[in-house]
Structure formats: structure tokens, C-alpha cells
Amino acid sequence: AIHWAADLSDKGLRQSAGLMVNYLYDLRSIEENHDSYFDQGEIATSRDVARLLN
């Protein structure tokens, strides 16, 4: 989940515009996701987050 206005401190606004994200680890995919990030710099995301990025 992406949370708007979650960190309104000066640092939070400067670093992330006040946004915060919850992480959800899929234990069945954690090794594959690690390898994809390590080898190709690819970050695993949900379809909803990927849609926001495109």
C-alpha cells in the first residue's frame, strides 16, 4: 500500500514527498526476487504499483 502524507517531517517531505510504502514479502518468491534485483536491478512490484509507474 502507498500512504500519502505518512511522513510530513522536513526529512520525509524532502526524501519522499511524504509518501510511505508497506512491504509484503511473498516467501515463495523471495529468492527469485532477490536474484532478479541482484542480477538485473529489477524490483518486484505488485500489478497495481507497476500500473502507477507506467
Protein backbone atom coordinates (compact mmCIF):
# COMPACT_ATOMS: atom_id res chain seq x y z
CA ALA A 1 0.00 0.00 0.00
CA ILE A 2 1.14 3.54 -0.69
CA HIS A 3 0.32 6.05 2.05
CA TRP A 4 0.03 9.75 1.22
CA ALA A 5 1.04 12.27 3.90
CA ALA A 6 2.50 9.50 6.08
CA ASP A 7 5.71 11.38 6.93
CA LEU A 8 5.27 15.13 6.94
CA SER A 9 8.55 15.86 8.71
CA ASP A 10 11.04 18.04 6.83
CA LYS A 11 13.13 14.95 6.10
CA GLY A 12 10.10 12.89 4.98
CA LEU A 13 8.91 15.62 2.62
CA ARG A 14 12.40 16.13 1.21
CA GLN A 15 13.13 12.43 0.67
CA SER A 16 9.76 11.07 -0.43
CA ALA A 17 7.22 13.90 -0.67
CA GLY A 18 5.67 12.47 2.50
CA LEU A 19 4.85 9.10 0.92
CA MET A 20 5.44 5.77 2.66
CA VAL A 21 5.06 2.24 1.28
CA ASN A 22 4.23 -1.02 3.04
CA TYR A 23 6.24 -4.06 2.06
CA LEU A 24 4.74 -7.50 1.55
CA TYR A 25 7.17 -10.37 1.16
CA ASP A 26 5.96 -13.41 -0.79
CA LEU A 27 8.10 -16.10 0.82
CA ARG A 28 7.60 -18.39 -2.19
CA SER A 29 9.25 -15.78 -4.45
CA ILE A 30 11.79 -14.17 -2.15
CA GLU A 31 14.86 -15.94 -3.58
CA GLU A 32 13.79 -15.32 -7.18
CA ASN A 33 13.07 -11.65 -6.39
CA HIS A 34 16.46 -11.29 -4.70
CA ASP A 35 18.24 -12.79 -7.69
CA SER A 36 16.35 -10.53 -10.13
CA TYR A 37 17.34 -7.47 -8.13
CA PHE A 38 20.94 -8.58 -7.65
CA ASP A 39 21.48 -9.65 -11.27
CA GLN A 40 19.39 -7.09 -13.18
CA GLY A 41 18.42 -4.37 -10.69
CA GLU A 42 14.76 -5.35 -11.18
CA ILE A 43 12.46 -4.64 -8.24
CA ALA A 44 9.46 -6.93 -7.77
CA THR A 45 6.20 -4.98 -7.53
CA SER A 46 2.51 -5.71 -7.50
CA ARG A 47 0.47 -5.12 -10.66
CA ASP A 48 -1.15 -2.09 -9.02
CA VAL A 49 2.19 -0.45 -8.25
CA ALA A 50 3.56 -1.31 -11.70
CA ARG A 51 0.49 0.32 -13.28
CA LEU A 52 1.16 3.53 -11.31
CA LEU A 53 4.74 3.59 -12.55
CA ASN A 54 3.80 3.25 -16.23
